[in-house]
Every structure is written in structure tokens, then in C-alpha cells.
PDB file of N, CA and C in Angstrom:
ATOM      1  N   MET A   1      65.134 254.169  82.324  1.00  0.00           N
ATOM      2  CA  MET A   1      65.953 253.485  83.339  1.00  0.00           C
ATOM      3  C   MET A   1      67.327 254.181  83.369  1.00  0.00           C
ATOM      4  N   PRO A   2      68.006 253.951  84.389  1.00  0.00           N
ATOM      5  CA  PRO A   2      69.288 254.684  84.550  1.00  0.00           C
ATOM      6  C   PRO A   2      70.332 254.509  83.423  1.00  0.00           C
ATOM      7  N   ILE A   3      71.025 255.590  83.225  1.00  0.00           N
ATOM      8  CA  ILE A   3      72.151 255.562  82.307  1.00  0.00           C
ATOM      9  C   ILE A   3      73.413 255.926  83.070  1.00  0.00           C
ATOM     10  N   VAL A   4      74.412 255.048  82.992  1.00  0.00           N
ATOM     11  CA  VAL A   4      75.741 255.367  83.561  1.00  0.00           C
ATOM     12  C   VAL A   4      76.715 255.806  82.517  1.00  0.00           C
ATOM     13  N   THR A   5      77.232 257.023  82.624  1.00  0.00           N
ATOM     14  CA  THR A   5      78.156 257.554  81.611  1.00  0.00           C
ATOM     15  C   THR A   5      79.530 257.721  82.336  1.00  0.00           C
ATOM     16  N   VAL A   6      80.580 257.016  81.902  1.00  0.00           N
ATOM     17  CA  VAL A   6      81.846 257.154  82.486  1.00  0.00           C
ATOM     18  C   VAL A   6      82.731 257.959  81.591  1.00  0.00           C
ATOM     19  N   SER A   7      83.278 259.061  82.064  1.00  0.00           N
ATOM     20  CA  SER A   7      84.080 260.027  81.372  1.00  0.00           C
ATOM     21  C   SER A   7      85.520 260.046  81.978  1.00  0.00           C
ATOM     22  N   GLY A   8      86.544 260.289  81.099  1.00  0.00           N
ATOM     23  CA  GLY A   8      87.894 260.338  81.614  1.00  0.00           C
ATOM     24  C   GLY A   8      88.733 259.183  81.267  1.00  0.00           C
ATOM     25  N   LEU A   9      88.179 258.221  80.602  1.00  0.00           N
ATOM     26  CA  LEU A   9      89.005 256.988  80.290  1.00  0.00           C
ATOM     27  C   LEU A   9      89.716 257.204  79.074  1.00  0.00           C
ATOM     28  N   PRO A  10      91.020 256.861  78.931  1.00  0.00           N
ATOM     29  CA  PRO A  10      91.826 257.022  77.792  1.00  0.00           C
ATOM     30  C   PRO A  10      91.360 256.017  76.811  1.00  0.00           C
ATOM     31  N   ASN A  11      91.504 256.395  75.519  1.00  0.00           N
ATOM     32  CA  ASN A  11      91.178 255.474  74.404  1.00  0.00           C
ATOM     33  C   ASN A  11      92.223 254.314  74.500  1.00  0.00           C
ATOM     34  N   GLY A  12      91.840 253.188  73.947  1.00  0.00           N
ATOM     35  CA  GLY A  12      92.796 252.007  73.881  1.00  0.00           C
ATOM     36  C   GLY A  12      92.455 250.878  74.730  1.00  0.00           C
ATOM     37  N   PHE A  13      91.428 250.995  75.546  1.00  0.00           N
ATOM     38  CA  PHE A  13      90.957 249.825  76.388  1.00  0.00           C
ATOM     39  C   PHE A  13      90.412 248.687  75.343  1.00  0.00           C
ATOM     40  N   GLU A  14      90.848 247.474  75.635  1.00  0.00           N
ATOM     41  CA  GLU A  14      90.266 246.374  74.876  1.00  0.00           C
ATOM     42  C   GLU A  14      88.786 246.282  75.029  1.00  0.00           C
ATOM     43  N   GLN A  15      88.080 245.876  74.072  1.00  0.00           N
ATOM     44  CA  GLN A  15      86.578 245.632  74.186  1.00  0.00           C
ATOM     45  C   GLN A  15      86.229 244.600  75.304  1.00  0.00           C
ATOM     46  N   ASP A  16      87.044 243.632  75.441  1.00  0.00           N
ATOM     47  CA  ASP A  16      86.785 242.627  76.495  1.00  0.00           C
ATOM     48  C   ASP A  16      86.797 243.265  77.863  1.00  0.00           C
ATOM     49  N   PHE A  17      87.774 244.219  78.125  1.00  0.00           N
ATOM     50  CA  PHE A  17      87.799 244.856  79.472  1.00  0.00           C
ATOM     51  C   PHE A  17      86.549 245.779  79.601  1.00  0.00           C
ATOM     52  N   LEU A  18      86.253 246.578  78.544  1.00  0.00           N
ATOM     53  CA  LEU A  18      84.986 247.458  78.620  1.00  0.00           C
ATOM     54  C   LEU A  18      83.799 246.660  78.789  1.00  0.00           C
ATOM     55  N   THR A  19      83.636 245.525  78.173  1.00  0.00           N
ATOM     56  CA  THR A  19      82.473 244.682  78.331  1.00  0.00           C
ATOM     57  C   THR A  19      82.355 244.173  79.697  1.00  0.00           C
ATOM     58  N   ARG A  20      83.457 243.742  80.334  1.00  0.00           N
ATOM     59  CA  ARG A  20      83.431 243.294  81.766  1.00  0.00           C
ATOM     60  C   ARG A  20      83.038 244.457  82.723  1.00  0.00           C
ATOM     61  N   LEU A  21      83.661 245.646  82.423  1.00  0.00           N
ATOM     62  CA  LEU A  21      83.295 246.849  83.190  1.00  0.00           C
ATOM     63  C   LEU A  21      81.882 247.229  83.068  1.00  0.00           C
ATOM     64  N   CYS A  22      81.392 247.186  81.873  1.00  0.00           N
ATOM     65  CA  CYS A  22      79.964 247.498  81.605  1.00  0.00           C
ATOM     66  C   CYS A  22      79.005 246.487  82.400  1.00  0.00           C
ATOM     67  N   ILE A  23      79.273 245.172  82.347  1.00  0.00           N
ATOM     68  CA  ILE A  23      78.531 244.290  83.061  1.00  0.00           C
ATOM     69  C   ILE A  23      78.510 244.522  84.559  1.00  0.00           C
ATOM     70  N   ALA A  24      79.739 244.804  85.059  1.00  0.00           N
ATOM     71  CA  ALA A  24      79.957 245.076  86.489  1.00  0.00           C
ATOM     72  C   ALA A  24      79.216 246.284  86.915  1.00  0.00           C
ATOM     73  N   LEU A  25      79.258 247.368  86.093  1.00  0.00           N
ATOM     74  CA  LEU A  25      78.462 248.549  86.459  1.00  0.00           C
ATOM     75  C   LEU A  25      76.956 248.370  86.499  1.00  0.00           C
ATOM     76  N   ARG A  26      76.384 247.531  85.524  1.00  0.00           N
ATOM     77  CA  ARG A  26      75.062 247.237  85.461  1.00  0.00           C
ATOM     78  C   ARG A  26      74.659 246.497  86.770  1.00  0.00           C
ATOM     79  N   VAL A  27      75.428 245.520  87.140  1.00  0.00           N
ATOM     80  CA  VAL A  27      75.184 244.657  88.346  1.00  0.00           C
ATOM     81  C   VAL A  27      75.259 245.522  89.575  1.00  0.00           C
ATOM     82  N   ALA A  28      76.222 246.452  89.615  1.00  0.00           N
ATOM     83  CA  ALA A  28      76.426 247.325  90.731  1.00  0.00           C
ATOM     84  C   ALA A  28      75.177 248.246  91.034  1.00  0.00           C
ATOM     85  N   VAL A  29      74.680 248.822  89.939  1.00  0.00           N
ATOM     86  CA  VAL A  29      73.542 249.793  90.077  1.00  0.00           C
ATOM     87  C   VAL A  29      72.230 248.931  90.463  1.00  0.00           C
ATOM     88  N   ALA A  30      72.016 247.811  89.692  1.00  0.00           N
ATOM     89  CA  ALA A  30      70.824 247.006  89.961  1.00  0.00           C
ATOM     90  C   ALA A  30      70.956 246.414  91.375  1.00  0.00           C
ATOM     91  N   GLY A  31      72.119 246.193  91.876  1.00  0.00           N
ATOM     92  CA  GLY A  31      72.307 245.678  93.256  1.00  0.00           C
ATOM     93  C   GLY A  31      71.693 246.443  94.360  1.00  0.00           C
ATOM     94  N   VAL A  32      71.404 247.752  94.082  1.00  0.00           N
ATOM     95  CA  VAL A  32      70.825 248.597  95.134  1.00  0.00           C
ATOM     96  C   VAL A  32      69.264 248.235  95.049  1.00  0.00           C
ATOM     97  N   ALA A  33      68.827 247.355  95.969  1.00  0.00           N
ATOM     98  CA  ALA A  33      67.550 246.787  95.923  1.00  0.00           C
ATOM     99  C   ALA A  33      66.346 247.815  95.785  1.00  0.00           C
ATOM    100  N   GLU A  34      66.492 248.968  96.474  1.00  0.00           N
ATOM    101  CA  GLU A  34      65.339 249.886  96.442  1.00  0.00           C
ATOM    102  C   GLU A  34      65.030 250.468  95.073  1.00  0.00           C
ATOM    103  N   LEU A  35      65.986 250.295  94.146  1.00  0.00           N
ATOM    104  CA  LEU A  35      65.758 250.792  92.778  1.00  0.00           C
ATOM    105  C   LEU A  35      64.682 249.985  92.069  1.00  0.00           C
ATOM    106  N   GLY A  36      64.625 248.654  92.421  1.00  0.00           N
ATOM    107  CA  GLY A  36      63.603 247.761  91.851  1.00  0.00           C
ATOM    108  C   GLY A  36      63.865 247.525  90.340  1.00  0.00           C
ATOM    109  N   ILE A  37      65.130 247.450  89.894  1.00  0.00           N
ATOM    110  CA  ILE A  37      65.380 247.242  88.564  1.00  0.00           C
ATOM    111  C   ILE A  37      66.383 246.008  88.336  1.00  0.00           C
ATOM    112  N   THR A  38      66.509 245.523  87.189  1.00  0.00           N
ATOM    113  CA  THR A  38      67.470 244.414  86.853  1.00  0.00           C
ATOM    114  C   THR A  38      68.668 245.051  86.183  1.00  0.00           C
ATOM    115  N   ASP A  39      69.741 244.302  86.124  1.00  0.00           N
ATOM    116  CA  ASP A  39      70.971 244.814  85.353  1.00  0.00           C
ATOM    117  C   ASP A  39      70.589 245.081  83.923  1.00  0.00           C
ATOM    118  N   LYS A  40      69.707 244.355  83.293  1.00  0.00           N
ATOM    119  CA  LYS A  40      69.353 244.542  81.974  1.00  0.00           C
ATOM    120  C   LYS A  40      68.629 245.913  81.661  1.00  0.00           C
ATOM    121  N   GLN A  41      68.260 246.560  82.797  1.00  0.00           N
ATOM    122  CA  GLN A  41      67.583 247.901  82.631  1.00  0.00           C
ATOM    123  C   GLN A  41      68.530 249.070  82.803  1.00  0.00           C
ATOM    124  N   VAL A  42      69.813 248.762  83.021  1.00  0.00           N
ATOM    125  CA  VAL A  42      70.916 249.811  83.208  1.00  0.00           C
ATOM    126  C   VAL A  42      71.646 249.869  81.874  1.00  0.00           C
ATOM    127  N   THR A  43      71.836 251.053  81.347  1.00  0.00           N
ATOM    128  CA  THR A  43      72.498 251.443  80.153  1.00  0.00           C
ATOM    129  C   THR A  43      73.839 251.989  80.562  1.00  0.00           C
ATOM    130  N   VAL A  44      74.918 251.602  79.899  1.00  0.00           N
ATOM    131  CA  VAL A  44      76.295 252.064  80.239  1.00  0.00           C
ATOM    132  C   VAL A  44      76.997 252.593  78.965  1.00  0.00           C
ATOM    133  N   PHE A  45      77.510 253.847  79.052  1.00  0.00           N
ATOM    134  CA  PHE A  45      78.215 254.497  77.917  1.00  0.00           C
ATOM    135  C   PHE A  45      79.613 254.890  78.321  1.00  0.00           C
ATOM    136  N   PHE A  46      80.614 254.695  77.480  1.00  0.00           N
ATOM    137  CA  PHE A  46      81.938 255.118  77.642  1.00  0.00           C
ATOM    138  C   PHE A  46      82.322 256.109  76.411  1.00  0.00           C
ATOM    139  N   PRO A  47      81.982 257.371  76.567  1.00  0.00           N
ATOM    140  CA  PRO A  47      82.194 258.225  75.456  1.00  0.00           C
ATOM    141  C   PRO A  47      83.763 258.490  75.150  1.00  0.00           C
ATOM    142  N   ASP A  48      84.090 258.678  73.843  1.00  0.00           N
ATOM    143  CA  ASP A  48      85.392 259.043  73.576  1.00  0.00           C
ATOM    144  C   ASP A  48      85.701 260.471  74.035  1.00  0.00           C
ATOM    145  N   ASN A  49      87.007 260.713  74.314  1.00  0.00           N
ATOM    146  CA  ASN A  49      87.379 262.098  74.768  1.00  0.00           C
ATOM    147  C   ASN A  49      88.339 262.583  73.577  1.00  0.00           C
ATOM    148  N   LEU A  50      87.936 263.878  73.223  1.00  0.00           N
ATOM    149  CA  LEU A  50      88.744 264.523  72.187  1.00  0.00           C
ATOM    150  C   LEU A  50      90.112 264.867  72.616  1.00  0.00           C
ATOM    151  N   LEU A  51      90.218 265.221  73.863  1.00  0.00           N
ATOM    152  CA  LEU A  51      91.546 265.634  74.395  1.00  0.00           C
ATOM    153  C   LEU A  51      91.996 264.492  75.243  1.00  0.00           C
ATOM    154  N   GLN A  52      93.205 263.861  74.813  1.00  0.00           N
ATOM    155  CA  GLN A  52      93.700 262.701  75.502  1.00  0.00           C
ATOM    156  C   GLN A  52      94.585 263.069  76.702  1.00  0.00           C
ATOM    157  N   ALA A  53      95.107 264.264  76.755  1.00  0.00           N
ATOM    158  CA  ALA A  53      96.031 264.688  77.840  1.00  0.00           C
ATOM    159  C   ALA A  53      95.318 264.577  79.089  1.00  0.00           C
ATOM    160  N   GLY A  54      95.876 263.941  80.206  1.00  0.00           N
ATOM    161  CA  GLY A  54      95.299 263.841  81.455  1.00  0.00           C
ATOM    162  C   GLY A  54      94.262 262.825  81.717  1.00  0.00           C
ATOM    163  N   LEU A  55      93.971 262.005  80.663  1.00  0.00           N
ATOM    164  CA  LEU A  55      92.938 260.965  80.801  1.00  0.00           C
ATOM    165  C   LEU A  55      93.431 259.879  81.622  1.00  0.00           C
ATOM    166  N   GLY A  56      92.558 259.283  82.425  1.00  0.00           N
ATOM    167  CA  GLY A  56      92.975 258.166  83.272  1.00  0.00           C
ATOM    168  C   GLY A  56      93.422 258.648  84.664  1.00  0.00           C
ATOM    169  N   GLU A  57      93.488 259.921  84.887  1.00  0.00           N
ATOM    170  CA  GLU A  57      93.856 260.461  86.171  1.00  0.00           C
ATOM    171  C   GLU A  57      92.580 260.723  87.009  1.00  0.00           C
ATOM    172  N   GLU A  58      91.577 261.347  86.298  1.00  0.00           N
ATOM    173  CA  GLU A  58      90.299 261.640  87.008  1.00  0.00           C
ATOM    174  C   GLU A  58      89.239 260.936  86.087  1.00  0.00           C
ATOM    175  N   VAL A  59      88.438 260.155  86.799  1.00  0.00           N
ATOM    176  CA  VAL A  59      87.307 259.473  86.135  1.00  0.00           C
ATOM    177  C   VAL A  59      86.002 259.924  86.804  1.00  0.00           C
ATOM    178  N   ILE A  60      85.119 260.507  85.994  1.00  0.00           N
ATOM    179  CA  ILE A  60      83.873 260.926  86.473  1.00  0.00           C
ATOM    180  C   ILE A  60      82.760 260.126  85.851  1.00  0.00           C
ATOM    181  N   ALA A  61      81.753 259.688  86.768  1.00  0.00           N
ATOM    182  CA  ALA A  61      80.636 258.910  86.273  1.00  0.00           C
ATOM    183  C   ALA A  61      79.410 259.701  86.656  1.00  0.00           C
ATOM    184  N   ARG A  62      78.434 259.620  85.766  1.00  0.00           N
ATOM    185  CA  ARG A  62      77.153 260.235  86.020  1.00  0.00           C
ATOM    186  C   ARG A  62      76.166 259.106  85.800  1.00  0.00           C
ATOM    187  N   VAL A  63      75.158 259.074  86.807  1.00  0.00           N
ATOM    188  CA  VAL A  63      74.026 258.087  86.774  1.00  0.00           C
ATOM    189  C   VAL A  63      72.846 259.113  86.534  1.00  0.00           C
ATOM    190  N   THR A  64      72.357 259.039  85.387  1.00  0.00           N
ATOM    191  CA  THR A  64      71.190 259.961  85.023  1.00  0.00           C
ATOM    192  C   THR A  64      70.010 259.167  84.589  1.00  0.00           C
ATOM    193  N   GLU A  65      68.900 259.874  84.444  1.00  0.00           N
ATOM    194  CA  GLU A  65      67.642 259.304  83.906  1.00  0.00           C
ATOM    195  C   GLU A  65      67.186 258.241  84.903  1.00  0.00           C
ATOM    196  N   LEU A  66      67.469 258.364  86.166  1.00  0.00           N
ATOM    197  CA  LEU A  66      66.956 257.627  87.274  1.00  0.00           C
ATOM    198  C   LEU A  66      65.605 258.144  87.722  1.00  0.00           C
ATOM    199  N   PHE A  67      64.569 257.560  87.240  1.00  0.00           N
ATOM    200  CA  PHE A  67      63.257 258.099  87.540  1.00  0.00           C
ATOM    201  C   PHE A  67      63.045 258.372  89.033  1.00  0.00           C
ATOM    202  N   GLY A  68      62.551 259.532  89.429  1.00  0.00           N
ATOM    203  CA  GLY A  68      62.300 259.907  90.760  1.00  0.00           C
ATOM    204  C   GLY A  68      61.085 259.156  91.348  1.00  0.00           C
ATOM    205  N   ARG A  69      61.292 258.475  92.406  1.00  0.00           N
ATOM    206  CA  ARG A  69      60.203 257.755  93.091  1.00  0.00           C
ATOM    207  C   ARG A  69      60.390 257.936  94.610  1.00  0.00           C
ATOM    208  N   PRO A  70      59.312 257.830  95.365  1.00  0.00           N
ATOM    209  CA  PRO A  70      59.477 258.058  96.802  1.00  0.00           C
ATOM    210  C   PRO A  70      60.528 257.172  97.581  1.00  0.00           C
ATOM    211  N   GLU A  71      60.669 255.922  97.035  1.00  0.00           N
ATOM    212  CA  GLU A  71      61.592 255.044  97.653  1.00  0.00           C
ATOM    213  C   GLU A  71      62.998 255.295  97.304  1.00  0.00           C
ATOM    214  N   ARG A  72      63.300 256.158  96.282  1.00  0.00           N
ATOM    215  CA  ARG A  72      64.645 256.494  95.864  1.00  0.00           C
ATOM    216  C   ARG A  72      65.017 257.765  96.654  1.00  0.00           C
ATOM    217  N   THR A  73      65.290 257.602  97.842  1.00  0.00           N
ATOM    218  CA  THR A  73      65.621 258.663  98.845  1.00  0.00           C
ATOM    219  C   THR A  73      67.022 259.046  98.582  1.00  0.00           C
ATOM    220  N   PRO A  74      67.494 260.278  99.124  1.00  0.00           N
ATOM    221  CA  PRO A  74      68.946 260.611  99.064  1.00  0.00           C
ATOM    222  C   PRO A  74      69.837 259.539  99.512  1.00  0.00           C
ATOM    223  N   GLU A  75      69.428 258.827 100.537  1.00  0.00           N
ATOM    224  CA  GLU A  75      70.300 257.723 101.045  1.00  0.00           C
ATOM    225  C   GLU A  75      70.413 256.587  99.958  1.00  0.00           C
ATOM    226  N   VAL A  76      69.356 256.223  99.316  1.00  0.00           N
ATOM    227  CA  VAL A  76      69.427 255.268  98.227  1.00  0.00           C
ATOM    228  C   VAL A  76      70.298 255.773  97.135  1.00  0.00           C
ATOM    229  N   LYS A  77      70.134 257.061  96.741  1.00  0.00           N
ATOM    230  CA  LYS A  77      70.944 257.570  95.636  1.00  0.00           C
ATOM    231  C   LYS A  77      72.450 257.655  95.982  1.00  0.00           C
ATOM    232  N   ARG A  78      72.742 257.916  97.299  1.00  0.00           N
ATOM    233  CA  ARG A  78      74.127 257.831  97.812  1.00  0.00           C
ATOM    234  C   ARG A  78      74.651 256.502  97.746  1.00  0.00           C
ATOM    235  N   ARG A  79      73.896 255.444  98.009  1.00  0.00           N
ATOM    236  CA  ARG A  79      74.273 254.115  97.852  1.00  0.00           C
ATOM    237  C   ARG A  79      74.577 253.695  96.411  1.00  0.00           C
ATOM    238  N   VAL A  80      73.713 254.179  95.454  1.00  0.00           N
ATOM    239  CA  VAL A  80      74.035 254.026  94.084  1.00  0.00           C
ATOM    240  C   VAL A  80      75.364 254.577  93.747  1.00  0.00           C
ATOM    241  N   ALA A  81      75.634 255.796  94.132  1.00  0.00           N
ATOM    242  CA  ALA A  81      76.922 256.452  93.885  1.00  0.00           C
ATOM    243  C   ALA A  81      78.054 255.608  94.401  1.00  0.00           C
ATOM    244  N   GLU A  82      77.927 255.213  95.682  1.00  0.00           N
ATOM    245  CA  GLU A  82      79.029 254.376  96.337  1.00  0.00           C
ATOM    246  C   GLU A  82      79.247 253.130  95.637  1.00  0.00           C
ATOM    247  N   ALA A  83      78.192 252.502  95.143  1.00  0.00           N
ATOM    248  CA  ALA A  83      78.359 251.216  94.376  1.00  0.00           C
ATOM    249  C   ALA A  83      79.048 251.339  93.073  1.00  0.00           C
ATOM    250  N   VAL A  84      78.777 252.481  92.394  1.00  0.00           N
ATOM    251  CA  VAL A  84      79.368 252.788  91.117  1.00  0.00           C
ATOM    252  C   VAL A  84      80.886 253.140  91.424  1.00  0.00           C
ATOM    253  N   LYS A  85      81.158 253.938  92.392  1.00  0.00           N
ATOM    254  CA  LYS A  85      82.494 254.263  92.763  1.00  0.00           C
ATOM    255  C   LYS A  85      83.308 253.052  93.024  1.00  0.00           C
ATOM    256  N   LYS A  86      82.824 252.176  93.866  1.00  0.00           N
ATOM    257  CA  LYS A  86      83.635 250.984  94.289  1.00  0.00           C
ATOM    258  C   LYS A  86      83.880 250.171  93.094  1.00  0.00           C
ATOM    259  N   CYS A  87      82.902 249.958  92.210  1.00  0.00           N
ATOM    260  CA  CYS A  87      83.147 249.225  90.924  1.00  0.00           C
ATOM    261  C   CYS A  87      84.127 249.795  90.053  1.00  0.00           C
ATOM    262  N   LEU A  88      84.156 251.092  89.856  1.00  0.00           N
ATOM    263  CA  LEU A  88      85.069 251.697  89.052  1.00  0.00           C
ATOM    264  C   LEU A  88      86.553 251.662  89.684  1.00  0.00           C
ATOM    265  N   ARG A  89      86.637 251.872  90.903  1.00  0.00           N
ATOM    266  CA  ARG A  89      88.007 251.738  91.627  1.00  0.00           C
ATOM    267  C   ARG A  89      88.544 250.327  91.503  1.00  0.00           C
ATOM    268  N   PHE A  90      87.682 249.275  91.704  1.00  0.00           N
ATOM    269  CA  PHE A  90      88.077 247.932  91.615  1.00  0.00           C
ATOM    270  C   PHE A  90      88.587 247.632  90.214  1.00  0.00           C
ATOM    271  N   HIS A  91      87.978 248.012  89.224  1.00  0.00           N
ATOM    272  CA  HIS A  91      88.288 247.667  87.786  1.00  0.00           C
ATOM    273  C   HIS A  91      89.370 248.602  87.193  1.00  0.00           C
ATOM    274  N   LEU A  92      89.382 249.830  87.640  1.00  0.00           N
ATOM    275  CA  LEU A  92      90.296 250.819  86.944  1.00  0.00           C
ATOM    276  C   LEU A  92      91.595 250.973  87.662  1.00  0.00           C
ATOM    277  N   THR A  93      91.700 250.767  89.026  1.00  0.00           N
ATOM    278  CA  THR A  93      92.974 251.022  89.680  1.00  0.00           C
ATOM    279  C   THR A  93      94.117 250.100  89.092  1.00  0.00           C
ATOM    280  N   PRO A  94      93.857 248.884  88.799  1.00  0.00           N
ATOM    281  CA  PRO A  94      94.921 248.023  88.240  1.00  0.00           C
ATOM    282  C   PRO A  94      95.305 248.503  86.757  1.00  0.00           C
ATOM    283  N   ALA A  95      94.256 249.055  86.112  1.00  0.00           N
ATOM    284  CA  ALA A  95      94.469 249.364  84.706  1.00  0.00           C
ATOM    285  C   ALA A  95      95.098 250.730  84.453  1.00  0.00           C
ATOM    286  N   LEU A  96      94.884 251.624  85.410  1.00  0.00           N
ATOM    287  CA  LEU A  96      95.287 253.089  85.180  1.00  0.00           C
ATOM    288  C   LEU A  96      96.233 253.451  86.276  1.00  0.00           C
ATOM    289  N   GLN A  97      97.470 253.422  86.031  1.00  0.00           N
ATOM    290  CA  GLN A  97      98.528 253.760  87.054  1.00  0.00           C
ATOM    291  C   GLN A  97      98.373 255.129  87.596  1.00  0.00           C
ATOM    292  N   GLY A  98      97.864 256.119  86.741  1.00  0.00           N
ATOM    293  CA  GLY A  98      97.802 257.504  87.294  1.00  0.00           C
ATOM    294  C   GLY A  98      96.444 257.847  87.919  1.00  0.00           C
ATOM    295  N   LEU A  99      95.562 256.907  88.088  1.00  0.00           N
ATOM    296  CA  LEU A  99      94.203 257.197  88.566  1.00  0.00           C
ATOM    297  C   LEU A  99      94.360 257.752  89.998  1.00  0.00           C
ATOM    298  N   ALA A 100      93.779 258.958  90.113  1.00  0.00           N
ATOM    299  CA  ALA A 100      93.885 259.757  91.395  1.00  0.00           C
ATOM    300  C   ALA A 100      92.525 260.111  92.001  1.00  0.00           C
ATOM    301  N   LEU A 101      91.478 260.050  91.099  1.00  0.00           N
ATOM    302  CA  LEU A 101      90.247 260.539  91.559  1.00  0.00           C
ATOM    303  C   LEU A 101      89.082 259.807  90.819  1.00  0.00           C
ATOM    304  N   VAL A 102      88.118 259.332  91.581  1.00  0.00           N
ATOM    305  CA  VAL A 102      86.874 258.859  91.008  1.00  0.00           C
ATOM    306  C   VAL A 102      85.717 259.550  91.678  1.00  0.00           C
ATOM    307  N   GLU A 103      84.866 260.152  90.889  1.00  0.00           N
ATOM    308  CA  GLU A 103      83.692 260.850  91.435  1.00  0.00           C
ATOM    309  C   GLU A 103      82.524 260.296  90.646  1.00  0.00           C
ATOM    310  N   VAL A 104      81.312 260.245  91.436  1.00  0.00           N
ATOM    311  CA  VAL A 104      80.067 259.676  90.888  1.00  0.00           C
ATOM    312  C   VAL A 104      78.963 260.650  91.259  1.00  0.00           C
ATOM    313  N   PHE A 105      78.174 261.099  90.254  1.00  0.00           N
ATOM    314  CA  PHE A 105      77.083 261.913  90.512  1.00  0.00           C
ATOM    315  C   PHE A 105      75.790 261.230  90.130  1.00  0.00           C
ATOM    316  N   VAL A 106      74.718 261.342  90.875  1.00  0.00           N
ATOM    317  CA  VAL A 106      73.463 260.595  90.651  1.00  0.00           C
ATOM    318  C   VAL A 106      72.354 261.670  90.501  1.00  0.00           C
ATOM    319  N   TYR A 107      71.661 261.614  89.343  1.00  0.00           N
ATOM    320  CA  TYR A 107      70.654 262.577  89.051  1.00  0.00           C
ATOM    321  C   TYR A 107      69.326 261.916  88.845  1.00  0.00           C
ATOM    322  N   THR A 108      68.282 262.340  89.440  1.00  0.00           N
ATOM    323  CA  THR A 108      66.906 261.789  89.211  1.00  0.00           C
ATOM    324  C   THR A 108      66.253 262.533  88.085  1.00  0.00           C
ATOM    325  N   PHE A 109      65.306 261.892  87.433  1.00  0.00           N
ATOM    326  CA  PHE A 109      64.472 262.442  86.373  1.00  0.00           C
ATOM    327  C   PHE A 109      63.022 262.356  86.671  1.00  0.00           C
ATOM    328  N   ASP A 110      62.329 263.471  86.490  1.00  0.00           N
ATOM    329  CA  ASP A 110      60.920 263.543  86.719  1.00  0.00           C
ATOM    330  C   ASP A 110      60.229 263.570  85.297  1.00  0.00           C
ATOM    331  N   PRO A 111      59.612 262.464  84.888  1.00  0.00           N
ATOM    332  CA  PRO A 111      58.915 262.556  83.587  1.00  0.00           C
ATOM    333  C   PRO A 111      57.803 263.449  83.420  1.00  0.00           C
ATOM    334  N   GLU A 112      57.199 263.884  84.597  1.00  0.00           N
ATOM    335  CA  GLU A 112      56.094 264.864  84.556  1.00  0.00           C
ATOM    336  C   GLU A 112      56.703 266.225  84.202  1.00  0.00           C
ATOM    337  N   VAL A 113      57.942 266.484  84.531  1.00  0.00           N
ATOM    338  CA  VAL A 113      58.484 267.781  84.265  1.00  0.00           C
ATOM    339  C   VAL A 113      59.260 267.743  82.896  1.00  0.00           C
ATOM    340  N   GLY A 114      60.015 266.670  82.739  1.00  0.00           N
ATOM    341  CA  GLY A 114      60.895 266.604  81.571  1.00  0.00           C
ATOM    342  C   GLY A 114      60.336 265.912  80.336  1.00  0.00           C
ATOM    343  N   GLY A 115      59.273 265.045  80.520  1.00  0.00           N
ATOM    344  CA  GLY A 115      58.764 264.318  79.460  1.00  0.00           C
ATOM    345  C   GLY A 115      59.541 263.122  79.054  1.00  0.00           C
ATOM    346  N   PHE A 116      58.926 262.052  78.670  1.00  0.00           N
ATOM    347  CA  PHE A 116      59.567 260.805  78.352  1.00  0.00           C
ATOM    348  C   PHE A 116      58.697 259.992  77.348  1.00  0.00           C
ATOM    349  N   ALA A 117      59.410 259.354  76.484  1.00  0.00           N
ATOM    350  CA  ALA A 117      58.855 258.465  75.457  1.00  0.00           C
ATOM    351  C   ALA A 117      59.829 257.277  75.312  1.00  0.00           C
ATOM    352  N   GLY A 118      59.411 256.102  75.083  1.00  0.00           N
ATOM    353  CA  GLY A 118      60.287 255.031  74.962  1.00  0.00           C
ATOM    354  C   GLY A 118      59.702 253.945  73.999  1.00  0.00           C
ATOM    355  N   TRP A 119      60.534 253.103  73.406  1.00  0.00           N
ATOM    356  CA  TRP A 119      60.147 252.071  72.476  1.00  0.00           C
ATOM    357  C   TRP A 119      61.033 250.851  72.791  1.00  0.00           C
ATOM    358  N   THR A 120      60.463 249.630  72.861  1.00  0.00           N
ATOM    359  CA  THR A 120      61.263 248.431  73.094  1.00  0.00           C
ATOM    360  C   THR A 120      60.831 247.441  71.983  1.00  0.00           C
ATOM    361  N   LYS A 121      61.790 246.904  71.348  1.00  0.00           N
ATOM    362  CA  LYS A 121      61.541 245.890  70.326  1.00  0.00           C
ATOM    363  C   LYS A 121      60.956 244.672  70.906  1.00  0.00           C
ATOM    364  N   GLU A 122      59.852 244.124  70.341  1.00  0.00           N
ATOM    365  CA  GLU A 122      59.289 242.871  70.921  1.00  0.00           C
ATOM    366  C   GLU A 122      60.109 241.657  70.608  1.00  0.00           C
ATOM    367  N   PRO A 123      60.259 240.746  71.484  1.00  0.00           N
ATOM    368  CA  PRO A 123      61.051 239.573  71.173  1.00  0.00           C
ATOM    369  C   PRO A 123      60.340 238.717  70.109  1.00  0.00           C
ATOM    370  N   ALA A 124      61.257 238.144  69.208  1.00  0.00           N
ATOM    371  CA  ALA A 124      60.735 237.418  68.152  1.00  0.00           C
ATOM    372  C   ALA A 124      60.147 236.087  68.662  1.00  0.00           C
ATOM    373  N   GLY A 125      59.232 235.598  68.010  1.00  0.00           N
ATOM    374  CA  GLY A 125      58.558 234.318  68.422  1.00  0.00           C
ATOM    375  C   GLY A 125      57.180 234.416  68.681  1.00  0.00           C
TER     376      GLY A 125
END
């Protein structure tokens, strides 16, 4: 399922803010109906940046591991990118005074070419 990785955020955001942003990104991606996924199937990462200079000015998001399917056309992927961009702008513009750029890249994954294995813990009960 898709992974959203957001780079360029400065360290120091409160966990509550990042949790809200994570939920909003999951909902935004799953909101593109043609993907046929729920928000629980979207993973979001906010990696630390070793160099803090300039962070918060440019935010780059990558949506990866989106399995390629016929219904996931270039237009659908563009809508995914647009949904993520709007979500990031909405949440980050008030928090980052120097924010000047948000870019989103969407990459599909072909398990026949790249290989895939997964494991999910069974619910207790």
C-alpha cells in the first residue's frame, strides 16, 4: 500500500501536530476513490533531517509503493499528488513562516518487476 514520506520539515514539531498531519495525509490519499484503499492502508513517515539549515522552506513529499493497476491512470496519480499538496499546504503554511515550495511526486510499484512480500499481525480474539 502507498507510503507517503514528507521531507524538509524542521525538527521540533509537537507529536500532536504530526499525528494530526499524518491522519490528514492518510485521509487525503484514501480520498482518491479510484485507489480503492482505506486510510488505514496508507503509511506516513516524517524522516529526520541531518542538516537543519533551510528546513521548512521547501517540503517535498513522495508517494511510493502505490501498486500499479489499470485504474490508477496518470490522471488518478495527478489527483493523488494534488490531494497531498493541498493537505500539506493547509497544515504547514500556518506552522512554517518560511514555506515557499511544496512538491509531491507519485511513483507506482510493479510487484512483478520489483518483488513484494508482506506480513500482517492477526487481530487478537
